[in-house]
Amino acid sequence: MIRKHLRRILPSKSHFRENHTYTRLFGKLLHNPSLWRLNRHSVARGISVGIFVAFIPLPFQMLIAAATAIAIGCNLPIAVLSVWITNPVTIPPMFYAAYKVGAVLLHQAPKVIEFQWTIDWMLARLADIWQPLLLGCAVLGLAAAAVGNVLARMLWYLPILHRRYVRRNRRIRRN
């Protein structure tokens, strides 16, 4: 059931082959059939890759997720779509939490930072916060990826459990 819904909304393999931008970037790597499989394991790994990459404080996260998905052979469209958990609304709390976690793990007192949306401010503060931020991003990224993987596998398995439950109840009623 989940597979049917995903097939409807996800781009097909031919869409990526026909789009010359993707072909120029990744070439024949897109022909790997494991990148397009819609099964519990491939989708869960794709979600894990996307969520982990979403916590990397770099631009071009979708390209990083695509390259990682190609390297490990998980579902490519799911990995790229999962990166979208980072957006202008979610980025500040995610990275602030990552900074706090990193500061705690490094036994540093978190600094009080008055945030400003300027490049000069970001470059000046980056020297102060890069170590706790990167450590926190790695820790939270791994934790969120693990949770995403488990939830994806559970959600994929729920319709199967429901069908078994319905089938068992039908048998009981017949007897």
Protein backbone atom coordinates (compact mmCIF):
# COMPACT_ATOMS: atom_id res chain seq x y z
CA MET A 1 0.00 0.00 0.00
CA ILE A 2 2.76 2.45 0.90
CA ARG A 3 4.62 1.33 -2.20
CA LYS A 4 1.66 2.30 -4.42
CA HIS A 5 1.50 5.78 -2.92
CA LEU A 6 5.24 6.29 -3.26
CA ARG A 7 5.22 5.16 -6.89
CA ARG A 8 2.59 7.78 -7.66
CA ILE A 9 4.41 10.71 -6.08
CA LEU A 10 8.11 9.92 -6.62
CA PRO A 11 9.86 10.74 -9.89
CA SER A 12 10.64 7.74 -12.05
CA LYS A 13 14.00 6.48 -13.19
CA SER A 14 13.29 7.74 -16.71
CA HIS A 15 12.65 11.26 -15.40
CA PHE A 16 16.20 11.43 -14.09
CA ARG A 17 17.66 9.85 -17.22
CA GLU A 18 15.90 12.35 -19.49
CA ASN A 19 16.88 15.37 -17.40
CA HIS A 20 20.30 16.39 -18.70
CA THR A 21 21.35 18.17 -15.52
CA TYR A 22 21.20 14.95 -13.53
CA THR A 23 22.80 12.97 -16.33
CA ARG A 24 25.71 15.40 -16.53
CA LEU A 25 26.28 15.24 -12.78
CA PHE A 26 25.90 11.52 -12.16
CA GLY A 27 26.08 9.89 -15.61
CA LYS A 28 25.51 6.16 -15.74
CA LEU A 29 25.46 5.87 -11.96
CA LEU A 30 21.72 6.55 -12.15
CA HIS A 31 21.20 3.24 -13.97
CA ASN A 32 21.80 1.24 -10.78
CA PRO A 33 18.46 -0.50 -10.05
CA SER A 34 18.98 -0.40 -6.28
CA LEU A 35 18.57 3.39 -6.38
CA TRP A 36 14.95 2.99 -7.50
CA ARG A 37 13.76 0.01 -5.44
CA LEU A 38 10.75 0.66 -3.26
CA ASN A 39 11.09 -1.78 -0.42
CA ARG A 40 11.22 -1.37 3.33
CA HIS A 41 15.00 -1.52 3.57
CA SER A 42 15.86 0.77 0.67
CA VAL A 43 13.32 3.41 1.67
CA ALA A 44 14.40 3.32 5.33
CA ARG A 45 18.05 3.74 4.35
CA GLY A 46 17.11 6.60 2.02
CA ILE A 47 15.28 8.34 4.85
CA SER A 48 18.29 7.84 7.12
CA VAL A 49 20.66 9.30 4.55
CA GLY A 50 18.42 12.30 3.92
CA ILE A 51 17.88 13.07 7.58
CA PHE A 52 21.58 12.74 8.41
CA VAL A 53 22.57 15.01 5.52
CA ALA A 54 19.92 17.52 6.60
CA PHE A 55 21.94 18.06 9.78
CA ILE A 56 25.12 18.89 7.86
CA PRO A 57 25.54 22.68 7.99
CA LEU A 58 26.53 23.02 4.34
CA PRO A 59 24.74 24.23 1.23
CA PHE A 60 23.74 21.84 -1.56
CA GLN A 61 22.41 19.21 0.83
CA MET A 62 20.31 17.59 -1.90
CA LEU A 63 23.44 16.94 -4.00
CA ILE A 64 25.24 15.53 -0.95
CA ALA A 65 22.26 13.26 -0.24
CA ALA A 66 22.12 12.13 -3.88
CA ALA A 67 25.84 11.33 -3.95
CA THR A 68 25.58 9.45 -0.65
CA ALA A 69 22.53 7.50 -1.85
CA ILE A 70 24.38 6.54 -5.02
CA ALA A 71 27.44 5.49 -2.99
CA ILE A 72 25.53 3.22 -0.60
CA GLY A 73 22.78 2.13 -3.00
CA CYS A 74 19.66 3.26 -1.16
CA ASN A 75 16.52 4.82 -2.63
CA LEU A 76 17.68 8.02 -4.32
CA PRO A 77 14.42 10.03 -4.52
CA ILE A 78 13.60 9.32 -0.88
CA ALA A 79 17.09 10.38 0.24
CA VAL A 80 16.81 13.65 -1.68
CA LEU A 81 13.27 14.34 -0.43
CA SER A 82 14.21 13.60 3.18
CA VAL A 83 16.68 16.47 3.17
CA TRP A 84 13.72 18.84 2.97
CA ILE A 85 13.20 18.63 6.73
CA THR A 86 15.60 21.56 6.79
CA ASN A 87 13.96 24.77 5.69
CA PRO A 88 14.06 28.38 6.86
CA VAL A 89 11.72 27.54 9.75
CA THR A 90 13.52 24.43 11.02
CA ILE A 91 17.17 25.34 10.43
CA PRO A 92 17.60 27.76 13.39
CA PRO A 93 16.19 25.40 16.06
CA MET A 94 18.02 22.39 14.59
CA PHE A 95 21.40 24.09 14.53
CA TYR A 96 20.86 25.80 17.88
CA ALA A 97 20.06 22.41 19.45
CA ALA A 98 23.10 20.93 17.70
CA TYR A 99 25.30 23.70 19.09
CA LYS A 100 23.95 23.13 22.62
CA VAL A 101 24.47 19.35 22.40
CA GLY A 102 27.99 19.80 21.03
CA ALA A 103 28.87 22.30 23.76
CA VAL A 104 27.67 19.88 26.44
CA LEU A 105 29.62 16.98 24.92
CA LEU A 106 32.77 19.11 24.71
CA HIS A 107 32.25 20.31 28.29
CA GLN A 108 32.07 23.92 27.16
CA ALA A 109 29.72 26.51 28.53
CA PRO A 110 27.36 27.49 25.70
CA LYS A 111 27.97 31.09 24.73
CA VAL A 112 25.15 33.60 24.70
CA ILE A 113 24.85 34.57 21.07
CA GLU A 114 22.73 37.38 19.71
CA PHE A 115 21.97 36.19 16.21
CA GLN A 116 22.14 38.49 13.19
CA TRP A 117 21.45 37.61 9.55
CA THR A 118 24.68 39.01 8.10
CA ILE A 119 27.59 37.24 6.50
CA ASP A 120 30.09 39.27 8.56
CA TRP A 121 28.44 38.21 11.81
CA MET A 122 28.30 34.55 10.75
CA LEU A 123 31.95 34.45 9.73
CA ALA A 124 33.01 36.18 12.95
CA ARG A 125 31.01 33.79 15.15
CA LEU A 126 31.89 30.67 13.19
CA ALA A 127 35.36 30.64 14.75
CA ASP A 128 33.73 30.45 18.20
CA ILE A 129 31.07 27.86 17.53
CA TRP A 130 32.28 25.53 14.76
CA GLN A 131 33.51 22.67 16.98
CA PRO A 132 30.40 22.30 19.16
CA LEU A 133 28.16 22.91 16.15
CA LEU A 134 29.74 20.20 14.01
CA LEU A 135 29.86 17.68 16.87
CA GLY A 136 26.23 18.40 17.76
CA CYS A 137 25.19 18.14 14.11
CA ALA A 138 26.89 14.75 13.83
CA VAL A 139 25.34 13.42 17.05
CA LEU A 140 21.84 14.74 16.36
CA GLY A 141 22.08 13.71 12.71
CA LEU A 142 22.97 10.14 13.64
CA ALA A 143 20.24 9.98 16.28
CA ALA A 144 17.59 11.47 13.99
CA ALA A 145 18.66 9.17 11.14
CA ALA A 146 18.35 6.13 13.41
CA VAL A 147 14.90 7.22 14.59
CA GLY A 148 13.86 7.90 11.00
CA ASN A 149 15.04 4.46 9.93
CA VAL A 150 13.13 2.70 12.70
CA LEU A 151 9.97 4.74 12.10
CA ALA A 152 10.10 4.11 8.35
CA ARG A 153 10.41 0.36 8.88
CA MET A 154 7.57 0.39 11.42
CA LEU A 155 5.27 2.47 9.20
CA TRP A 156 6.04 0.20 6.26
CA TYR A 157 5.16 -2.84 8.36
CA LEU A 158 1.87 -1.49 9.81
CA PRO A 159 -0.30 -2.25 6.74
CA ILE A 160 1.06 -5.80 6.75
CA LEU A 161 0.09 -6.23 10.40
CA HIS A 162 -3.34 -4.77 9.69
CA ARG A 163 -3.95 -7.21 6.80
CA ARG A 164 -2.91 -10.13 9.03
CA TYR A 165 -5.26 -8.92 11.76
CA VAL A 166 -8.19 -8.61 9.34
CA ARG A 167 -7.45 -12.02 7.80
CA ARG A 168 -7.25 -13.66 11.22
CA ASN A 169 -10.57 -12.11 12.29
CA ARG A 170 -12.25 -13.35 9.10
CA ARG A 171 -11.04 -16.88 9.79
CA ILE A 172 -12.29 -16.70 13.37
CA ARG A 173 -15.74 -15.51 12.24
CA ARG A 174 -16.04 -18.30 9.67
CA ASN A 175 -15.30 -21.01 12.22
